[in-house]
């Protein structure tokens, strides 16, 4: 069967012999084939999208659950330790920037 556009062009420019007597039936059949293929693809992609949305929702729920397990600043962890000791972490390396800011604080 000819492509829909080819059939349409043969109707627009029929040539010397004129348009085929079955041109309208051929156009209708070609159009129906094209739309059924399109509809099948849309259905397939829609199903894939719904599956991915469910997967994303499950990942978001799992992420939320994990975030709820993290103690907030100042809260007491299950081990009984305070999570915010108010002290700065100690760095083994001292940079020139640290010296500069310490000098600023002394002024």
PDB file of N, CA and C in Angstrom:
ATOM      1  N   UNK A   1       0.836  -1.172   0.000  1.00  0.00           N
ATOM      2  CA  UNK A   1       0.000   0.000   0.000  1.00  0.00           C
ATOM      3  C   UNK A   1       0.883   1.238   0.000  1.00  0.00           C
ATOM      4  N   UNK A   2       0.432   2.224  -0.713  1.00  0.00           N
ATOM      5  CA  UNK A   2       1.192   3.466  -0.853  1.00  0.00           C
ATOM      6  C   UNK A   2       1.069   4.296   0.424  1.00  0.00           C
ATOM      7  N   UNK A   3       2.043   5.135   0.623  1.00  0.00           N
ATOM      8  CA  UNK A   3       2.080   6.047   1.746  1.00  0.00           C
ATOM      9  C   UNK A   3       0.943   7.064   1.601  1.00  0.00           C
ATOM     10  N   UNK A   4       0.441   7.552   2.737  1.00  0.00           N
ATOM     11  CA  UNK A   4      -0.657   8.518   2.735  1.00  0.00           C
ATOM     12  C   UNK A   4      -0.306   9.753   1.917  1.00  0.00           C
ATOM     13  N   UNK A   5       0.895  10.279   2.101  1.00  0.00           N
ATOM     14  CA  UNK A   5       1.299  11.484   1.361  1.00  0.00           C
ATOM     15  C   UNK A   5       1.398  11.219  -0.133  1.00  0.00           C
ATOM     16  N   UNK A   6       1.874  10.042  -0.519  1.00  0.00           N
ATOM     17  CA  UNK A   6       1.941   9.699  -1.950  1.00  0.00           C
ATOM     18  C   UNK A   6       0.545   9.632  -2.551  1.00  0.00           C
ATOM     19  N   UNK A   7      -0.383   9.028  -1.825  1.00  0.00           N
ATOM     20  CA  UNK A   7      -1.763   8.952  -2.308  1.00  0.00           C
ATOM     21  C   UNK A   7      -2.383  10.336  -2.418  1.00  0.00           C
ATOM     22  N   UNK A   8      -2.106  11.181  -1.455  1.00  0.00           N
ATOM     23  CA  UNK A   8      -2.624  12.540  -1.484  1.00  0.00           C
ATOM     24  C   UNK A   8      -2.062  13.307  -2.678  1.00  0.00           C
ATOM     25  N   UNK A   9      -0.761  13.135  -2.951  1.00  0.00           N
ATOM     26  CA  UNK A   9      -0.153  13.793  -4.110  1.00  0.00           C
ATOM     27  C   UNK A   9      -0.737  13.270  -5.418  1.00  0.00           C
ATOM     28  N   UNK A  10      -1.054  11.990  -5.468  1.00  0.00           N
ATOM     29  CA  UNK A  10      -1.654  11.460  -6.694  1.00  0.00           C
ATOM     30  C   UNK A  10      -3.076  11.995  -6.886  1.00  0.00           C
ATOM     31  N   UNK A  11      -3.738  12.379  -5.818  1.00  0.00           N
ATOM     32  CA  UNK A  11      -5.059  13.000  -5.930  1.00  0.00           C
ATOM     33  C   UNK A  11      -4.932  14.458  -6.344  1.00  0.00           C
ATOM     34  N   UNK A  12      -3.920  15.148  -5.795  1.00  0.00           N
ATOM     35  CA  UNK A  12      -3.710  16.558  -6.135  1.00  0.00           C
ATOM     36  C   UNK A  12      -3.239  16.695  -7.581  1.00  0.00           C
ATOM     37  N   UNK A  13      -2.294  15.864  -7.982  1.00  0.00           N
ATOM     38  CA  UNK A  13      -1.753  15.880  -9.350  1.00  0.00           C
ATOM     39  C   UNK A  13      -2.052  14.532 -10.005  1.00  0.00           C
ATOM     40  N   UNK A  14      -3.248  14.348 -10.527  1.00  0.00           N
ATOM     41  CA  UNK A  14      -3.634  13.029 -11.032  1.00  0.00           C
ATOM     42  C   UNK A  14      -2.923  12.598 -12.309  1.00  0.00           C
ATOM     43  N   UNK A  15      -2.343  13.493 -13.028  1.00  0.00           N
ATOM     44  CA  UNK A  15      -1.671  13.123 -14.279  1.00  0.00           C
ATOM     45  C   UNK A  15      -2.679  13.002 -15.411  1.00  0.00           C
ATOM     46  N   UNK A  16      -2.236  12.412 -16.537  1.00  0.00           N
ATOM     47  CA  UNK A  16      -3.091  12.306 -17.728  1.00  0.00           C
ATOM     48  C   UNK A  16      -4.204  11.283 -17.556  1.00  0.00           C
ATOM     49  N   UNK A  17      -3.924  10.214 -16.830  1.00  0.00           N
ATOM     50  CA  UNK A  17      -4.924   9.151 -16.685  1.00  0.00           C
ATOM     51  C   UNK A  17      -5.998   9.496 -15.646  1.00  0.00           C
ATOM     52  N   UNK A  18      -5.769  10.503 -14.842  1.00  0.00           N
ATOM     53  CA  UNK A  18      -6.711  10.864 -13.797  1.00  0.00           C
ATOM     54  C   UNK A  18      -6.411  10.095 -12.516  1.00  0.00           C
ATOM     55  N   UNK A  19      -7.165  10.377 -11.488  1.00  0.00           N
ATOM     56  CA  UNK A  19      -6.967   9.721 -10.190  1.00  0.00           C
ATOM     57  C   UNK A  19      -7.500   8.294 -10.259  1.00  0.00           C
ATOM     58  N   UNK A  20      -6.934   7.462  -9.453  1.00  0.00           N
ATOM     59  CA  UNK A  20      -7.358   6.067  -9.371  1.00  0.00           C
ATOM     60  C   UNK A  20      -8.810   6.014  -8.902  1.00  0.00           C
ATOM     61  N   UNK A  21      -9.588   5.074  -9.398  1.00  0.00           N
ATOM     62  CA  UNK A  21     -10.986   5.008  -8.959  1.00  0.00           C
ATOM     63  C   UNK A  21     -11.126   4.636  -7.473  1.00  0.00           C
ATOM     64  N   UNK A  22     -10.110   4.054  -6.912  1.00  0.00           N
ATOM     65  CA  UNK A  22     -10.169   3.659  -5.494  1.00  0.00           C
ATOM     66  C   UNK A  22      -9.352   4.594  -4.603  1.00  0.00           C
ATOM     67  N   UNK A  23      -9.061   5.795  -5.085  1.00  0.00           N
ATOM     68  CA  UNK A  23      -8.174   6.698  -4.358  1.00  0.00           C
ATOM     69  C   UNK A  23      -8.709   7.028  -2.969  1.00  0.00           C
ATOM     70  N   UNK A  24     -10.000   7.250  -2.856  1.00  0.00           N
ATOM     71  CA  UNK A  24     -10.557   7.629  -1.557  1.00  0.00           C
ATOM     72  C   UNK A  24     -10.523   6.462  -0.559  1.00  0.00           C
ATOM     73  N   UNK A  25     -10.758   5.263  -1.057  1.00  0.00           N
ATOM     74  CA  UNK A  25     -10.650   4.080  -0.197  1.00  0.00           C
ATOM     75  C   UNK A  25      -9.203   3.860   0.231  1.00  0.00           C
ATOM     76  N   UNK A  26      -8.282   4.065  -0.724  1.00  0.00           N
ATOM     77  CA  UNK A  26      -6.859   3.906  -0.411  1.00  0.00           C
ATOM     78  C   UNK A  26      -6.398   4.952   0.622  1.00  0.00           C
ATOM     79  N   UNK A  27      -6.854   6.200   0.436  1.00  0.00           N
ATOM     80  CA  UNK A  27      -6.506   7.262   1.391  1.00  0.00           C
ATOM     81  C   UNK A  27      -7.055   6.936   2.779  1.00  0.00           C
ATOM     82  N   UNK A  28      -8.281   6.499   2.833  1.00  0.00           N
ATOM     83  CA  UNK A  28      -8.905   6.158   4.116  1.00  0.00           C
ATOM     84  C   UNK A  28      -8.163   5.018   4.810  1.00  0.00           C
ATOM     85  N   UNK A  29      -7.814   3.988   4.076  1.00  0.00           N
ATOM     86  CA  UNK A  29      -7.103   2.847   4.654  1.00  0.00           C
ATOM     87  C   UNK A  29      -5.710   3.253   5.133  1.00  0.00           C
ATOM     88  N   UNK A  30      -5.020   4.071   4.325  1.00  0.00           N
ATOM     89  CA  UNK A  30      -3.683   4.523   4.701  1.00  0.00           C
ATOM     90  C   UNK A  30      -3.741   5.397   5.950  1.00  0.00           C
ATOM     91  N   UNK A  31      -4.732   6.273   6.017  1.00  0.00           N
ATOM     92  CA  UNK A  31      -4.883   7.146   7.185  1.00  0.00           C
ATOM     93  C   UNK A  31      -5.206   6.323   8.432  1.00  0.00           C
ATOM     94  N   UNK A  32      -6.065   5.337   8.309  1.00  0.00           N
ATOM     95  CA  UNK A  32      -6.419   4.469   9.436  1.00  0.00           C
ATOM     96  C   UNK A  32      -5.206   3.703   9.936  1.00  0.00           C
ATOM     97  N   UNK A  33      -4.373   3.208   9.016  1.00  0.00           N
ATOM     98  CA  UNK A  33      -3.147   2.505   9.411  1.00  0.00           C
ATOM     99  C   UNK A  33      -2.208   3.437  10.175  1.00  0.00           C
ATOM    100  N   UNK A  34      -2.066   4.671   9.664  1.00  0.00           N
ATOM    101  CA  UNK A  34      -1.162   5.631  10.301  1.00  0.00           C
ATOM    102  C   UNK A  34      -1.650   5.995  11.697  1.00  0.00           C
ATOM    103  N   UNK A  35      -2.949   6.208  11.848  1.00  0.00           N
ATOM    104  CA  UNK A  35      -3.457   6.593  13.166  1.00  0.00           C
ATOM    105  C   UNK A  35      -3.440   5.428  14.149  1.00  0.00           C
ATOM    106  N   UNK A  36      -3.642   4.220  13.676  1.00  0.00           N
ATOM    107  CA  UNK A  36      -3.595   3.080  14.598  1.00  0.00           C
ATOM    108  C   UNK A  36      -2.177   2.848  15.096  1.00  0.00           C
ATOM    109  N   UNK A  37      -1.190   3.055  14.245  1.00  0.00           N
ATOM    110  CA  UNK A  37       0.213   2.948  14.667  1.00  0.00           C
ATOM    111  C   UNK A  37       0.533   4.025  15.695  1.00  0.00           C
ATOM    112  N   UNK A  38       0.060   5.235  15.429  1.00  0.00           N
ATOM    113  CA  UNK A  38       0.284   6.350  16.351  1.00  0.00           C
ATOM    114  C   UNK A  38      -0.377   6.081  17.699  1.00  0.00           C
ATOM    115  N   UNK A  39      -1.604   5.602  17.679  1.00  0.00           N
ATOM    116  CA  UNK A  39      -2.329   5.322  18.915  1.00  0.00           C
ATOM    117  C   UNK A  39      -1.654   4.218  19.729  1.00  0.00           C
ATOM    118  N   UNK A  40      -1.127   3.218  19.054  1.00  0.00           N
ATOM    119  CA  UNK A  40      -0.424   2.139  19.749  1.00  0.00           C
ATOM    120  C   UNK A  40       0.839   2.667  20.426  1.00  0.00           C
ATOM    121  N   UNK A  41       1.554   3.545  19.753  1.00  0.00           N
ATOM    122  CA  UNK A  41       2.772   4.139  20.318  1.00  0.00           C
ATOM    123  C   UNK A  41       2.429   5.009  21.520  1.00  0.00           C
ATOM    124  N   UNK A  42       1.359   5.796  21.410  1.00  0.00           N
ATOM    125  CA  UNK A  42       0.942   6.647  22.529  1.00  0.00           C
ATOM    126  C   UNK A  42       0.574   5.790  23.735  1.00  0.00           C
ATOM    127  N   UNK A  43      -0.150   4.718  23.518  1.00  0.00           N
ATOM    128  CA  UNK A  43      -0.533   3.818  24.607  1.00  0.00           C
ATOM    129  C   UNK A  43       0.701   3.209  25.270  1.00  0.00           C
ATOM    130  N   UNK A  44       1.661   2.799  24.449  1.00  0.00           N
ATOM    131  CA  UNK A  44       2.892   2.205  24.968  1.00  0.00           C
ATOM    132  C   UNK A  44       3.678   3.207  25.813  1.00  0.00           C
ATOM    133  N   UNK A  45       3.853   4.404  25.297  1.00  0.00           N
ATOM    134  CA  UNK A  45       4.633   5.425  26.000  1.00  0.00           C
ATOM    135  C   UNK A  45       3.907   5.878  27.265  1.00  0.00           C
ATOM    136  N   UNK A  46       2.588   5.942  27.220  1.00  0.00           N
ATOM    137  CA  UNK A  46       1.820   6.315  28.403  1.00  0.00           C
ATOM    138  C   UNK A  46       2.003   5.279  29.508  1.00  0.00           C
ATOM    139  N   UNK A  47       2.015   4.007  29.149  1.00  0.00           N
ATOM    140  CA  UNK A  47       2.245   2.950  30.133  1.00  0.00           C
ATOM    141  C   UNK A  47       3.629   3.047  30.749  1.00  0.00           C
ATOM    142  N   UNK A  48       4.632   3.340  29.926  1.00  0.00           N
ATOM    143  CA  UNK A  48       5.992   3.499  30.430  1.00  0.00           C
ATOM    144  C   UNK A  48       6.078   4.700  31.365  1.00  0.00           C
ATOM    145  N   UNK A  49       5.394   5.797  31.007  1.00  0.00           N
ATOM    146  CA  UNK A  49       5.401   6.998  31.843  1.00  0.00           C
ATOM    147  C   UNK A  49       4.780   6.717  33.202  1.00  0.00           C
ATOM    148  N   UNK A  50       3.663   6.028  33.227  1.00  0.00           N
ATOM    149  CA  UNK A  50       3.015   5.702  34.498  1.00  0.00           C
ATOM    150  C   UNK A  50       3.911   4.825  35.368  1.00  0.00           C
ATOM    151  N   UNK A  51       4.602   3.875  34.753  1.00  0.00           N
ATOM    152  CA  UNK A  51       5.513   3.013  35.513  1.00  0.00           C
ATOM    153  C   UNK A  51       6.663   3.832  36.105  1.00  0.00           C
ATOM    154  N   UNK A  52       7.207   4.759  35.327  1.00  0.00           N
ATOM    155  CA  UNK A  52       8.296   5.596  35.824  1.00  0.00           C
ATOM    156  C   UNK A  52       7.824   6.545  36.918  1.00  0.00           C
ATOM    157  N   UNK A  53       6.597   7.045  36.800  1.00  0.00           N
ATOM    158  CA  UNK A  53       6.067   7.915  37.843  1.00  0.00           C
ATOM    159  C   UNK A  53       5.891   7.146  39.146  1.00  0.00           C
ATOM    160  N   UNK A  54       5.448   5.893  39.078  1.00  0.00           N
ATOM    161  CA  UNK A  54       5.327   5.076  40.282  1.00  0.00           C
ATOM    162  C   UNK A  54       6.696   4.795  40.897  1.00  0.00           C
ATOM    163  N   UNK A  55       7.686   4.545  40.046  1.00  0.00           N
ATOM    164  CA  UNK A  55       9.051   4.298  40.527  1.00  0.00           C
ATOM    165  C   UNK A  55       9.604   5.550  41.206  1.00  0.00           C
ATOM    166  N   UNK A  56       9.347   6.715  40.612  1.00  0.00           N
ATOM    167  CA  UNK A  56       9.807   7.972  41.193  1.00  0.00           C
ATOM    168  C   UNK A  56       9.133   8.229  42.536  1.00  0.00           C
ATOM    169  N   UNK A  57       7.844   7.960  42.618  1.00  0.00           N
ATOM    170  CA  UNK A  57       7.114   8.146  43.866  1.00  0.00           C
ATOM    171  C   UNK A  57       7.674   7.237  44.963  1.00  0.00           C
ATOM    172  N   UNK A  58       7.999   6.000  44.617  1.00  0.00           N
ATOM    173  CA  UNK A  58       8.578   5.075  45.588  1.00  0.00           C
ATOM    174  C   UNK A  58       9.955   5.568  46.045  1.00  0.00           C
ATOM    175  N   UNK A  59      10.747   6.092  45.112  1.00  0.00           N
ATOM    176  CA  UNK A  59      12.074   6.618  45.469  1.00  0.00           C
ATOM    177  C   UNK A  59      11.949   7.845  46.372  1.00  0.00           C
ATOM    178  N   UNK A  60      10.978   8.706  46.081  1.00  0.00           N
ATOM    179  CA  UNK A  60      10.772   9.875  46.934  1.00  0.00           C
ATOM    180  C   UNK A  60      10.358   9.456  48.339  1.00  0.00           C
ATOM    181  N   UNK A  61       9.491   8.460  48.443  1.00  0.00           N
ATOM    182  CA  UNK A  61       9.047   7.981  49.751  1.00  0.00           C
ATOM    183  C   UNK A  61      10.211   7.385  50.533  1.00  0.00           C
ATOM    184  N   UNK A  62      11.045   6.604  49.852  1.00  0.00           N
ATOM    185  CA  UNK A  62      12.212   6.012  50.515  1.00  0.00           C
ATOM    186  C   UNK A  62      13.184   7.104  50.960  1.00  0.00           C
ATOM    187  N   UNK A  63      13.372   8.117  50.122  1.00  0.00           N
ATOM    188  CA  UNK A  63      14.261   9.222  50.463  1.00  0.00           C
ATOM    189  C   UNK A  63      13.726   9.979  51.677  1.00  0.00           C
ATOM    190  N   UNK A  64      12.426  10.215  51.714  1.00  0.00           N
ATOM    191  CA  UNK A  64      11.827  10.903  52.850  1.00  0.00           C
ATOM    192  C   UNK A  64      12.029  10.109  54.135  1.00  0.00           C
ATOM    193  N   UNK A  65      11.825   8.796  54.045  1.00  0.00           N
ATOM    194  CA  UNK A  65      12.027   7.951  55.218  1.00  0.00           C
ATOM    195  C   UNK A  65      13.461   8.034  55.719  1.00  0.00           C
ATOM    196  N   UNK A  66      14.412   8.042  54.802  1.00  0.00           N
ATOM    197  CA  UNK A  66      15.821   8.147  55.198  1.00  0.00           C
ATOM    198  C   UNK A  66      16.123   9.506  55.813  1.00  0.00           C
ATOM    199  N   UNK A  67      15.536  10.554  55.262  1.00  0.00           N
ATOM    200  CA  UNK A  67      15.778  11.896  55.807  1.00  0.00           C
ATOM    201  C   UNK A  67      15.193  12.028  57.209  1.00  0.00           C
ATOM    202  N   UNK A  68      14.111  11.321  57.478  1.00  0.00           N
ATOM    203  CA  UNK A  68      13.507  11.386  58.805  1.00  0.00           C
ATOM    204  C   UNK A  68      14.359  10.671  59.852  1.00  0.00           C
ATOM    205  N   UNK A  69      15.221   9.760  59.409  1.00  0.00           N
ATOM    206  CA  UNK A  69      16.095   9.046  60.345  1.00  0.00           C
ATOM    207  C   UNK A  69      17.272   9.901  60.806  1.00  0.00           C
ATOM    208  N   UNK A  70      17.603  10.943  60.059  1.00  0.00           N
ATOM    209  CA  UNK A  70      18.736  11.800  60.407  1.00  0.00           C
ATOM    210  C   UNK A  70      18.318  12.733  61.537  1.00  0.00           C
ATOM    211  N   UNK A  71      19.041  12.729  62.651  1.00  0.00           N
ATOM    212  CA  UNK A  71      18.675  13.637  63.752  1.00  0.00           C
ATOM    213  C   UNK A  71      18.927  15.090  63.341  1.00  0.00           C
ATOM    214  N   UNK A  72      18.041  15.963  63.776  1.00  0.00           N
ATOM    215  CA  UNK A  72      18.184  17.387  63.483  1.00  0.00           C
ATOM    216  C   UNK A  72      19.229  17.996  64.412  1.00  0.00           C
ATOM    217  N   UNK A  73      19.735  19.164  64.061  1.00  0.00           N
ATOM    218  CA  UNK A  73      20.736  19.839  64.862  1.00  0.00           C
ATOM    219  C   UNK A  73      20.188  20.120  66.254  1.00  0.00           C
ATOM    220  N   UNK A  74      20.912  19.718  67.271  1.00  0.00           N
ATOM    221  CA  UNK A  74      20.506  19.945  68.650  1.00  0.00           C
ATOM    222  C   UNK A  74      19.681  18.818  69.244  1.00  0.00           C
ATOM    223  N   UNK A  75      19.202  17.899  68.430  1.00  0.00           N
ATOM    224  CA  UNK A  75      18.421  16.787  68.955  1.00  0.00           C
ATOM    225  C   UNK A  75      19.351  15.752  69.572  1.00  0.00           C
ATOM    226  N   UNK A  76      18.803  14.953  70.440  1.00  0.00           N
ATOM    227  CA  UNK A  76      19.567  13.884  71.062  1.00  0.00           C
ATOM    228  C   UNK A  76      19.400  12.630  70.220  1.00  0.00           C
ATOM    229  N   UNK A  77      20.509  12.074  69.796  1.00  0.00           N
ATOM    230  CA  UNK A  77      20.478  10.861  68.984  1.00  0.00           C
ATOM    231  C   UNK A  77      20.084   9.685  69.860  1.00  0.00           C
ATOM    232  N   UNK A  78      19.749   8.568  69.246  1.00  0.00           N
ATOM    233  CA  UNK A  78      19.340   7.376  69.997  1.00  0.00           C
ATOM    234  C   UNK A  78      20.429   6.888  70.931  1.00  0.00           C
ATOM    235  N   UNK A  79      21.678   7.166  70.609  1.00  0.00           N
ATOM    236  CA  UNK A  79      22.775   6.716  71.463  1.00  0.00           C
ATOM    237  C   UNK A  79      22.922   7.604  72.691  1.00  0.00           C
ATOM    238  N   UNK A  80      22.133   8.693  72.745  1.00  0.00           N
ATOM    239  CA  UNK A  80      22.199   9.583  73.893  1.00  0.00           C
ATOM    240  C   UNK A  80      23.186  10.715  73.702  1.00  0.00           C
ATOM    241  N   UNK A  81      23.837  10.797  72.563  1.00  0.00           N
ATOM    242  CA  UNK A  81      24.803  11.855  72.312  1.00  0.00           C
ATOM    243  C   UNK A  81      24.101  13.047  71.678  1.00  0.00           C
ATOM    244  N   UNK A  82      24.484  14.224  72.067  1.00  0.00           N
ATOM    245  CA  UNK A  82      23.952  15.436  71.463  1.00  0.00           C
ATOM    246  C   UNK A  82      24.581  15.579  70.074  1.00  0.00           C
ATOM    247  N   UNK A  83      23.771  15.888  69.087  1.00  0.00           N
ATOM    248  CA  UNK A  83      24.296  15.977  67.723  1.00  0.00           C
ATOM    249  C   UNK A  83      24.926  17.325  67.422  1.00  0.00           C
ATOM    250  N   UNK A  84      24.695  18.312  68.278  1.00  0.00           N
ATOM    251  CA  UNK A  84      25.260  19.637  68.056  1.00  0.00           C
ATOM    252  C   UNK A  84      26.052  20.030  69.289  1.00  0.00           C
ATOM    253  N   UNK A  85      27.366  19.807  69.224  1.00  0.00           N
ATOM    254  CA  UNK A  85      28.179  20.072  70.410  1.00  0.00           C
ATOM    255  C   UNK A  85      28.641  21.517  70.496  1.00  0.00           C
ATOM    256  N   UNK A  86      28.305  22.315  69.480  1.00  0.00           N
ATOM    257  CA  UNK A  86      28.645  23.723  69.527  1.00  0.00           C
ATOM    258  C   UNK A  86      30.101  24.006  69.221  1.00  0.00           C
ATOM    259  N   UNK A  87      30.895  23.020  68.981  1.00  0.00           N
ATOM    260  CA  UNK A  87      32.301  23.232  68.669  1.00  0.00           C
ATOM    261  C   UNK A  87      32.530  23.079  67.182  1.00  0.00           C
ATOM    262  N   UNK A  88      33.513  23.795  66.711  1.00  0.00           N
ATOM    263  CA  UNK A  88      33.894  23.674  65.308  1.00  0.00           C
ATOM    264  C   UNK A  88      34.710  22.404  65.129  1.00  0.00           C
ATOM    265  N   UNK A  89      34.554  21.749  63.991  1.00  0.00           N
ATOM    266  CA  UNK A  89      35.400  20.575  63.756  1.00  0.00           C
ATOM    267  C   UNK A  89      36.866  20.986  63.667  1.00  0.00           C
ATOM    268  N   UNK A  90      37.705  20.128  64.179  1.00  0.00           N
ATOM    269  CA  UNK A  90      39.127  20.440  64.163  1.00  0.00           C
ATOM    270  C   UNK A  90      39.732  20.026  62.838  1.00  0.00           C
ATOM    271  N   UNK A  91      40.522  20.926  62.281  1.00  0.00           N
ATOM    272  CA  UNK A  91      41.249  20.625  61.057  1.00  0.00           C
ATOM    273  C   UNK A  91      42.719  20.507  61.401  1.00  0.00           C
ATOM    274  N   UNK A  92      43.345  19.520  60.824  1.00  0.00           N
ATOM    275  CA  UNK A  92      44.777  19.364  61.045  1.00  0.00           C
ATOM    276  C   UNK A  92      45.560  20.431  60.301  1.00  0.00           C
ATOM    277  N   UNK A  93      45.001  20.886  59.207  1.00  0.00           N
ATOM    278  CA  UNK A  93      45.698  21.876  58.401  1.00  0.00           C
ATOM    279  C   UNK A  93      45.218  23.270  58.768  1.00  0.00           C
ATOM    280  N   UNK A  94      46.139  24.186  58.924  1.00  0.00           N
ATOM    281  CA  UNK A  94      45.808  25.578  59.187  1.00  0.00           C
ATOM    282  C   UNK A  94      46.220  26.361  57.950  1.00  0.00           C
ATOM    283  N   UNK A  95      45.278  27.077  57.403  1.00  0.00           N
ATOM    284  CA  UNK A  95      45.589  27.832  56.191  1.00  0.00           C
ATOM    285  C   UNK A  95      45.851  29.285  56.549  1.00  0.00           C
ATOM    286  N   UNK A  96      46.324  30.044  55.554  1.00  0.00           N
ATOM    287  CA  UNK A  96      46.564  31.465  55.763  1.00  0.00           C
ATOM    288  C   UNK A  96      45.255  32.194  56.018  1.00  0.00           C
ATOM    289  N   UNK A  97      44.177  31.702  55.448  1.00  0.00           N
ATOM    290  CA  UNK A  97      42.870  32.324  55.662  1.00  0.00           C
ATOM    291  C   UNK A  97      42.472  32.231  57.126  1.00  0.00           C
ATOM    292  N   UNK A  98      42.763  31.105  57.755  1.00  0.00           N
ATOM    293  CA  UNK A  98      42.431  30.940  59.170  1.00  0.00           C
ATOM    294  C   UNK A  98      43.185  31.961  60.012  1.00  0.00           C
ATOM    295  N   UNK A  99      44.455  32.166  59.693  1.00  0.00           N
ATOM    296  CA  UNK A  99      45.245  33.151  60.426  1.00  0.00           C
ATOM    297  C   UNK A  99      44.675  34.552  60.225  1.00  0.00           C
ATOM    298  N   UNK A 100      44.240  34.851  59.010  1.00  0.00           N
ATOM    299  CA  UNK A 100      43.693  36.173  58.707  1.00  0.00           C
ATOM    300  C   UNK A 100      42.429  36.417  59.510  1.00  0.00           C
ATOM    301  N   UNK A 101      41.557  35.442  59.537  1.00  0.00           N
ATOM    302  CA  UNK A 101      40.300  35.646  60.263  1.00  0.00           C
ATOM    303  C   UNK A 101      40.512  35.673  61.753  1.00  0.00           C
ATOM    304  N   UNK A 102      41.499  34.961  62.265  1.00  0.00           N
ATOM    305  CA  UNK A 102      41.800  35.037  63.689  1.00  0.00           C
ATOM    306  C   UNK A 102      42.304  36.418  64.042  1.00  0.00           C
ATOM    307  N   UNK A 103      43.108  37.004  63.153  1.00  0.00           N
ATOM    308  CA  UNK A 103      43.602  38.364  63.390  1.00  0.00           C
ATOM    309  C   UNK A 103      42.459  39.359  63.376  1.00  0.00           C
ATOM    310  N   UNK A 104      41.494  39.189  62.501  1.00  0.00           N
ATOM    311  CA  UNK A 104      40.335  40.073  62.417  1.00  0.00           C
ATOM    312  C   UNK A 104      39.526  40.009  63.731  1.00  0.00           C
ATOM    313  N   UNK A 105      39.402  38.814  64.286  1.00  0.00           N
ATOM    314  CA  UNK A 105      38.631  38.650  65.509  1.00  0.00           C
ATOM    315  C   UNK A 105      39.319  39.310  66.707  1.00  0.00           C
ATOM    316  N   UNK A 106      40.639  39.385  66.675  1.00  0.00           N
ATOM    317  CA  UNK A 106      41.394  39.952  67.792  1.00  0.00           C
ATOM    318  C   UNK A 106      41.257  41.470  67.833  1.00  0.00           C
ATOM    319  N   UNK A 107      40.912  42.098  66.728  1.00  0.00           N
ATOM    320  CA  UNK A 107      40.862  43.568  66.661  1.00  0.00           C
ATOM    321  C   UNK A 107      39.680  44.122  67.389  1.00  0.00           C
TER     322      UNK A 107
END
